[in-house]
Amino acid sequence: VAILPPVSVAFRRQTGRHLLIVNREEEEGVGLLNSVWVSLLCQHRPTTAHFYMFDLATADAAWASYADDVRSFFDHQIEMINRRTLPEIMKSLATTVKRRLESRAAEPPVYFLSQGLHRARDLRPSEDSHYSSASESGTTPPELFASLLKDGPEAGVHVLAWCDTVTNARRAVDRSLGEFGMRVAAAMSADDSSVFLDCSDAARLDKPYRLLFYDEEKPGVIQKFRPYS
């Protein structure tokens, strides 16, 4: 038993500073992602950060309005993304990352949130994608997303996502799973836990509302915590 500060994540401008939450319980996964989002909104003035929310939560669930509710309470630059607007947003973010890496100028952070990464088939690097191998810009949304995961943090562009299982997370980001240097895990199988956390600790979670946090900057350290309601 230990009394410690609340578990927190730090979105620094360095490789791998993305956050991935894996939880089969959608209400918990969506709730935690929105908790992180609200925390970021409270820490940034309206003009000092830009937020993109790709909301794929279950449409008729009790928590379906969480993202819209959060948006309504803040005056920040928040853009709600849908499948139709996603291609242009990805192109814009890719251009932003490239420009920032070339200029090395310190600009306000950008946060891309995916609420239901396993449902974002438009970003999936497979034949399931709705896009052909060649688009107008010469790159597809899945390719742009992979580039964003690789180069985004150094340019102040971070991805925060909730996914239901490790298998679907690997399917969604292919070889880019390692770019998520900060990970939150709910109860899962020992094999999935070993892949996701490099240990089997998540297989031993036997109580509700218990999660584990892993940060690649602290190898071997797994923090157990209870999320805010």
Foldseek 3Di string as FASTA:
>chain_A
DDDDDDDDADLALDFLRAEEEAAQPLVVLLVQLLVNVLVVQVVDAQEQEAEEEAQDRDCPDPCSCVVVVSVVVHNHHYHYDYPVCLFVVLVVLLVLLVVCVVVVDDGGAYEYEYSELLPPQCQFPDPSHPDDCQDPVRHGNVRSVLVCLGRVSNSRYYYYYYYHALVSVCRSNPPSLSRNQKYKYAADQQVRCCVNAVGSVSVPPDDPQWMWIGGNVDPPDIDIDGDDD
